[in-house]
N, C-alpha and C. Protein backbone atom coordinates (compact mmCIF):
# COMPACT_ATOMS: atom_id res chain seq x y z
N UNK A 1 -58.67 14.10 25.64
CA UNK A 1 -59.82 13.06 26.32
C UNK A 1 -61.12 14.21 26.51
N UNK A 2 -60.72 15.24 27.67
CA UNK A 2 -61.40 16.05 27.52
C UNK A 2 -62.29 17.05 25.96
N UNK A 3 -61.60 17.50 25.02
CA UNK A 3 -61.79 17.93 23.91
C UNK A 3 -63.17 16.76 23.31
N UNK A 4 -62.63 15.70 23.19
CA UNK A 4 -63.86 14.28 22.65
C UNK A 4 -65.08 14.51 23.19
N UNK A 5 -64.49 14.24 24.85
CA UNK A 5 -66.07 13.87 25.11
C UNK A 5 -66.87 15.48 25.14
N UNK A 6 -66.16 16.48 25.48
CA UNK A 6 -67.06 17.64 25.14
C UNK A 6 -67.70 17.77 23.83
N UNK A 7 -66.86 17.05 22.59
CA UNK A 7 -67.74 17.52 21.24
C UNK A 7 -68.66 16.37 21.41
N UNK A 8 -68.45 15.32 21.81
CA UNK A 8 -69.62 14.44 21.80
C UNK A 8 -70.73 14.97 22.66
N UNK A 9 -70.24 15.30 23.40
CA UNK A 9 -71.90 15.99 24.53
C UNK A 9 -72.53 17.29 23.42
N UNK A 10 -71.61 18.01 22.87
CA UNK A 10 -72.45 18.70 21.92
C UNK A 10 -73.31 18.19 20.43
N UNK A 11 -72.76 16.86 20.69
CA UNK A 11 -72.99 16.02 19.29
C UNK A 11 -74.58 15.64 20.04
N UNK A 12 -74.20 15.32 20.95
CA UNK A 12 -76.00 14.76 21.59
C UNK A 12 -76.86 15.29 22.11
N UNK A 13 -76.26 16.88 22.07
CA UNK A 13 -77.26 17.91 22.33
C UNK A 13 -77.81 18.21 21.45
N UNK A 14 -77.01 18.29 20.05
CA UNK A 14 -77.92 18.63 18.68
C UNK A 14 -78.78 17.53 18.63
N UNK A 15 -78.22 16.23 18.51
CA UNK A 15 -79.42 15.20 18.37
C UNK A 15 -80.42 15.04 19.57
N UNK A 16 -80.44 15.49 20.29
CA UNK A 16 -81.66 15.70 21.15
C UNK A 16 -82.82 16.64 20.70
N UNK A 17 -81.94 17.61 20.10
CA UNK A 17 -82.89 18.82 19.87
C UNK A 17 -83.50 18.58 18.52
N UNK A 18 -82.34 17.75 17.57
CA UNK A 18 -83.74 17.19 16.31
C UNK A 18 -84.55 16.38 16.72
N UNK A 19 -84.40 15.37 17.60
CA UNK A 19 -85.47 14.73 17.75
C UNK A 19 -86.33 14.76 18.35
N UNK A 20 -86.37 15.98 19.35
CA UNK A 20 -87.50 16.86 19.45
C UNK A 20 -88.26 17.60 18.54
N UNK A 21 -87.53 18.19 17.75
CA UNK A 21 -87.95 18.67 16.58
C UNK A 21 -88.65 17.39 15.56
N UNK A 22 -88.68 16.49 15.22
CA UNK A 22 -88.85 15.33 14.54
C UNK A 22 -89.98 14.70 15.54
N UNK A 23 -90.08 15.33 16.96
CA UNK A 23 -91.30 14.39 17.31
C UNK A 23 -92.58 15.57 17.44
N UNK A 24 -91.94 16.99 17.63
CA UNK A 24 -92.92 17.33 17.29
C UNK A 24 -93.61 17.93 16.22
N UNK A 25 -92.75 17.86 14.61
CA UNK A 25 -93.82 17.54 13.50
C UNK A 25 -94.36 16.48 13.64
N UNK A 26 -93.97 15.32 14.28
CA UNK A 26 -94.67 14.48 14.10
C UNK A 26 -95.99 14.20 14.60
N UNK A 27 -96.03 15.15 16.38
CA UNK A 27 -97.53 15.26 16.18
C UNK A 27 -98.15 16.09 15.50
N UNK A 28 -97.88 16.98 15.06
CA UNK A 28 -98.80 17.96 13.91
C UNK A 28 -99.04 16.99 12.82
N UNK A 29 -98.14 16.14 12.17
CA UNK A 29 -98.66 15.24 10.94
C UNK A 29 -100.18 14.85 11.47
N UNK A 30 -99.83 13.84 12.91
CA UNK A 30 -101.25 13.02 13.31
C UNK A 30 -102.41 13.52 13.81
N UNK A 31 -101.97 15.12 13.85
CA UNK A 31 -102.72 15.92 14.32
C UNK A 31 -104.04 16.58 12.71
N UNK A 32 -102.81 16.76 12.14
CA UNK A 32 -103.48 17.13 10.37
C UNK A 32 -104.35 16.03 9.94
N UNK A 33 -103.48 14.63 9.89
CA UNK A 33 -104.24 13.74 9.62
C UNK A 33 -105.61 13.69 10.32
N UNK A 34 -105.65 13.73 11.42
CA UNK A 34 -107.10 13.57 12.12
C UNK A 34 -107.70 14.81 11.59
N UNK A 35 -107.11 15.56 11.57
CA UNK A 35 -108.10 17.14 10.94
C UNK A 35 -108.54 16.46 9.41
N UNK A 36 -107.90 16.32 8.50
CA UNK A 36 -108.21 15.80 7.56
C UNK A 36 -109.34 14.80 7.48
N UNK A 37 -109.34 14.04 7.82
CA UNK A 37 -110.22 12.98 8.39
C UNK A 37 -111.63 13.48 8.59
N UNK A 38 -111.77 14.56 9.51
CA UNK A 38 -112.84 15.28 10.35
C UNK A 38 -113.54 15.82 9.54
N UNK A 39 -112.48 16.49 8.46
CA UNK A 39 -112.75 18.13 7.60
C UNK A 39 -112.83 19.37 8.62
N UNK A 40 -113.33 20.25 7.83
CA UNK A 40 -113.65 21.34 8.36
C UNK A 40 -114.90 21.74 8.04
N UNK A 41 -115.65 22.75 8.85
CA UNK A 41 -115.02 22.55 10.35
C UNK A 41 -114.86 21.79 11.04
N UNK A 42 -114.21 21.53 12.39
CA UNK A 42 -113.87 20.30 12.93
C UNK A 42 -113.10 20.78 14.20
N UNK A 43 -113.47 20.21 15.32
CA UNK A 43 -112.67 20.13 16.59
C UNK A 43 -111.09 19.83 16.21
N UNK A 44 -110.97 18.51 15.55
CA UNK A 44 -109.71 18.32 15.29
C UNK A 44 -109.02 19.52 14.26
N UNK A 45 -109.67 19.78 13.53
CA UNK A 45 -109.35 20.96 12.39
C UNK A 45 -108.41 22.01 13.68
N UNK A 46 -109.40 22.28 13.81
CA UNK A 46 -108.89 23.60 14.73
C UNK A 46 -107.74 23.15 15.46
N UNK A 47 -107.51 21.71 16.15
CA UNK A 47 -106.47 21.39 17.12
C UNK A 47 -104.94 21.12 16.33
N UNK A 48 -105.43 20.81 15.33
CA UNK A 48 -104.22 20.49 14.16
C UNK A 48 -103.48 22.22 13.60
N UNK A 49 -104.34 22.51 13.08
CA UNK A 49 -104.06 24.21 12.81
C UNK A 49 -103.13 24.86 13.84
N UNK A 50 -104.03 24.48 15.37
CA UNK A 50 -103.28 25.63 16.05
C UNK A 50 -101.91 25.12 16.47
N UNK A 51 -101.71 23.62 16.82
CA UNK A 51 -100.63 23.14 17.04
C UNK A 51 -99.76 24.08 16.01
N UNK A 52 -99.67 23.01 14.54
CA UNK A 52 -99.34 23.21 13.10
C UNK A 52 -98.75 24.77 13.26
N UNK A 53 -99.52 26.05 13.32
CA UNK A 53 -98.79 27.12 13.29
C UNK A 53 -98.29 27.57 14.62
N UNK A 54 -98.31 27.03 15.78
CA UNK A 54 -97.75 27.84 16.64
C UNK A 54 -96.02 26.67 16.76
N UNK A 55 -96.51 25.68 16.29
CA UNK A 55 -95.15 24.80 16.55
C UNK A 55 -93.69 25.74 14.95
N UNK A 56 -94.87 25.52 14.00
CA UNK A 56 -93.77 26.86 12.67
C UNK A 56 -93.25 28.18 13.77
N UNK A 57 -94.50 28.88 14.22
CA UNK A 57 -93.74 29.92 15.04
C UNK A 57 -92.36 29.78 15.85
N UNK A 58 -92.66 28.82 16.42
CA UNK A 58 -91.35 28.70 17.13
C UNK A 58 -89.89 28.17 16.59
N UNK A 59 -90.42 27.17 15.43
CA UNK A 59 -89.24 27.06 14.60
C UNK A 59 -88.75 28.33 13.68
N UNK A 60 -89.69 29.27 13.66
CA UNK A 60 -89.11 30.23 12.33
C UNK A 60 -88.03 31.27 13.63
N UNK A 61 -89.15 31.38 14.45
CA UNK A 61 -87.99 31.95 15.47
C UNK A 61 -86.62 31.59 15.70
N UNK A 62 -86.67 30.37 15.79
CA UNK A 62 -85.22 29.32 16.08
C UNK A 62 -84.48 29.72 14.78
N UNK A 63 -85.45 29.96 13.53
CA UNK A 63 -84.33 29.81 12.50
C UNK A 63 -83.85 31.25 12.14
N UNK A 64 -84.85 32.56 12.08
CA UNK A 64 -84.13 33.51 12.13
C UNK A 64 -83.33 33.58 12.85
N UNK A 65 -82.84 33.43 13.88
CA UNK A 65 -81.92 33.69 14.86
C UNK A 65 -80.18 33.49 14.63
N UNK A 66 -79.45 34.21 14.68
CA UNK A 66 -78.03 34.64 13.63
C UNK A 66 -77.56 33.48 14.74
N UNK A 67 -77.97 32.73 15.90
CA UNK A 67 -77.20 31.90 16.54
C UNK A 67 -77.28 30.50 15.91
N UNK A 68 -78.11 30.20 15.25
CA UNK A 68 -78.70 29.25 14.61
C UNK A 68 -77.25 28.89 13.67
N UNK A 69 -76.68 27.19 13.66
CA UNK A 69 -76.04 26.81 12.85
C UNK A 69 -76.34 26.33 11.38
N UNK A 70 -77.61 26.38 11.01
CA UNK A 70 -77.42 25.67 9.88
C UNK A 70 -77.32 27.12 8.48
N UNK A 71 -76.59 26.23 7.95
CA UNK A 71 -76.48 26.87 6.14
C UNK A 71 -77.44 28.56 6.00
N UNK A 72 -77.01 29.57 5.89
CA UNK A 72 -78.11 30.30 5.56
C UNK A 72 -79.19 30.46 4.33
N UNK A 73 -78.82 29.51 3.38
CA UNK A 73 -79.89 28.99 2.31
C UNK A 73 -81.08 28.15 2.84
N UNK A 74 -80.35 27.38 3.45
CA UNK A 74 -80.94 26.02 4.53
C UNK A 74 -82.16 26.60 4.82
N UNK A 75 -81.48 27.56 6.03
CA UNK A 75 -82.22 28.29 6.69
C UNK A 75 -83.53 29.41 6.21
N UNK A 76 -83.09 29.88 5.04
CA UNK A 76 -84.15 30.94 4.36
C UNK A 76 -85.43 29.97 3.31
N UNK A 77 -84.79 28.91 3.20
CA UNK A 77 -85.59 27.49 2.39
C UNK A 77 -86.87 27.41 3.41
N UNK A 78 -86.33 27.00 5.09
CA UNK A 78 -87.19 26.46 5.59
C UNK A 78 -87.76 27.38 5.98
N UNK A 79 -87.57 28.75 6.55
CA UNK A 79 -88.55 29.91 7.03
C UNK A 79 -89.54 30.15 6.24
N UNK A 80 -89.45 30.01 4.42
CA UNK A 80 -90.69 30.14 3.51
C UNK A 80 -91.31 29.06 3.41
N UNK A 81 -91.06 27.15 3.89
CA UNK A 81 -91.84 26.37 3.73
C UNK A 81 -92.62 26.86 5.17
N UNK A 82 -91.97 27.11 6.21
CA UNK A 82 -92.62 27.14 7.37
C UNK A 82 -94.14 28.46 7.32
N UNK A 83 -93.36 29.62 6.42
CA UNK A 83 -94.69 30.50 5.98
C UNK A 83 -95.64 30.11 5.42
N UNK A 84 -95.26 29.01 4.35
CA UNK A 84 -96.12 28.49 3.32
C UNK A 84 -97.29 27.66 4.38
N UNK A 85 -96.52 26.72 5.20
CA UNK A 85 -97.76 25.88 6.19
C UNK A 85 -98.44 26.84 6.94
N UNK A 86 -97.98 27.65 7.51
CA UNK A 86 -98.56 28.64 8.53
C UNK A 86 -99.91 29.33 8.07
N UNK A 87 -99.48 29.98 6.34
CA UNK A 87 -100.77 30.50 5.83
C UNK A 87 -101.65 29.72 5.46
N UNK A 88 -101.64 28.46 5.03
CA UNK A 88 -101.88 27.10 4.45
C UNK A 88 -103.07 26.78 5.62
N UNK A 89 -102.18 26.78 6.94
CA UNK A 89 -103.04 26.51 8.17
C UNK A 89 -104.64 28.10 8.14
N UNK A 90 -104.04 29.08 8.05
CA UNK A 90 -104.77 30.48 8.25
C UNK A 90 -106.06 30.18 6.91
N UNK A 91 -105.45 29.56 5.93
CA UNK A 91 -106.64 29.04 5.12
C UNK A 91 -107.92 28.08 5.35
N UNK A 92 -107.03 27.19 6.03
CA UNK A 92 -108.04 26.46 6.52
C UNK A 92 -108.90 26.67 7.73
N UNK A 93 -107.62 27.16 8.73
CA UNK A 93 -108.83 28.00 9.76
C UNK A 93 -110.06 28.80 9.38
N UNK A 94 -109.81 29.61 8.42
CA UNK A 94 -110.86 30.53 7.63
C UNK A 94 -111.80 29.94 6.75
N UNK A 95 -111.57 28.86 6.75
CA UNK A 95 -112.22 27.50 5.50
C UNK A 95 -112.26 28.59 4.26
N UNK A 96 -110.78 28.96 3.69
CA UNK A 96 -110.94 29.09 2.49
C UNK A 96 -110.15 27.84 1.80
N UNK A 97 -109.85 26.75 2.11
CA UNK A 97 -108.95 25.52 1.84
C UNK A 97 -109.30 24.56 2.68
N UNK A 98 -109.13 23.37 1.81
CA UNK A 98 -109.07 22.12 3.00
C UNK A 98 -107.46 21.51 2.46
N UNK A 99 -106.48 22.01 2.43
CA UNK A 99 -105.48 21.63 2.02
C UNK A 99 -104.72 20.75 3.05
N UNK A 100 -105.01 20.24 3.99
CA UNK A 100 -104.52 19.38 4.75
C UNK A 100 -103.10 18.52 4.28
N UNK A 101 -103.69 17.77 3.13
CA UNK A 101 -102.99 17.10 2.43
C UNK A 101 -101.57 17.62 2.18
N UNK A 102 -101.33 18.72 1.79
CA UNK A 102 -99.90 19.54 1.42
C UNK A 102 -99.22 19.31 2.32
N UNK A 103 -100.08 20.34 3.38
CA UNK A 103 -99.51 20.52 4.64
C UNK A 103 -99.09 19.22 5.22
N UNK A 104 -99.03 18.51 5.23
CA UNK A 104 -99.04 16.98 5.87
C UNK A 104 -97.94 16.59 5.05
N UNK A 105 -97.81 16.31 3.78
CA UNK A 105 -96.95 15.73 2.21
C UNK A 105 -95.55 16.29 3.32
N UNK A 106 -95.84 17.95 3.22
CA UNK A 106 -94.08 18.65 3.26
C UNK A 106 -93.70 18.82 4.72
N UNK A 107 -94.60 18.30 5.55
CA UNK A 107 -94.33 18.42 6.92
C UNK A 107 -93.27 16.73 7.13
N UNK A 108 -93.62 15.55 6.02
CA UNK A 108 -93.32 14.44 6.52
C UNK A 108 -91.97 14.49 5.61
N UNK A 109 -92.06 15.30 4.69
CA UNK A 109 -90.36 15.64 3.77
C UNK A 109 -89.69 16.06 4.69
N UNK A 110 -90.04 17.08 5.73
CA UNK A 110 -89.15 17.62 6.78
C UNK A 110 -88.16 17.09 7.88
N UNK A 111 -89.61 16.38 8.40
CA UNK A 111 -89.56 15.38 9.52
C UNK A 111 -88.47 14.22 9.07
N UNK A 112 -88.58 13.57 7.83
CA UNK A 112 -87.70 12.74 7.42
C UNK A 112 -85.95 13.19 7.21
N UNK A 113 -86.27 14.47 6.94
CA UNK A 113 -84.97 15.53 6.46
C UNK A 113 -84.14 15.68 8.25
N UNK A 114 -85.04 15.31 9.26
CA UNK A 114 -84.54 15.49 10.62
C UNK A 114 -84.00 14.24 11.53
N UNK A 115 -84.04 13.10 10.53
CA UNK A 115 -83.59 12.18 11.20
C UNK A 115 -83.36 11.18 10.17
C-alpha cells in the first residue's frame, strides 16, 4: 500500500509539472498572438519575445539536466526546437523577421504534446 501511494504521488507530481509547462507555453502563445496582431515594433512584440525567450531558456536548462527523465532523442529534439524558437525571437526583436506564426504554431504542437 505504501508503494502504491508513493508512485501515485510521483505521477501526480509529474502531471503537475507538465500542467505548469503547458500553462507557461499557453501564456507564451497568447503573448505571441497579441504580438502578431500588433506587429513589429510594438510593446506586445517586446513582451511576447521576452517571455518566450525566458521560458525556453528555462525549459532548455531543464532538458540538458541529466536528471531529466525524457528519452535522450526527445530531449535533443526539444532542445533543437527551443533553440530555433529563441533564434526566431531574436530575429523578431531585431526586426529581421515577423515570423510570429511559426513560433505560435510550433508552440501549440508542443503544448498539445504535454496534455
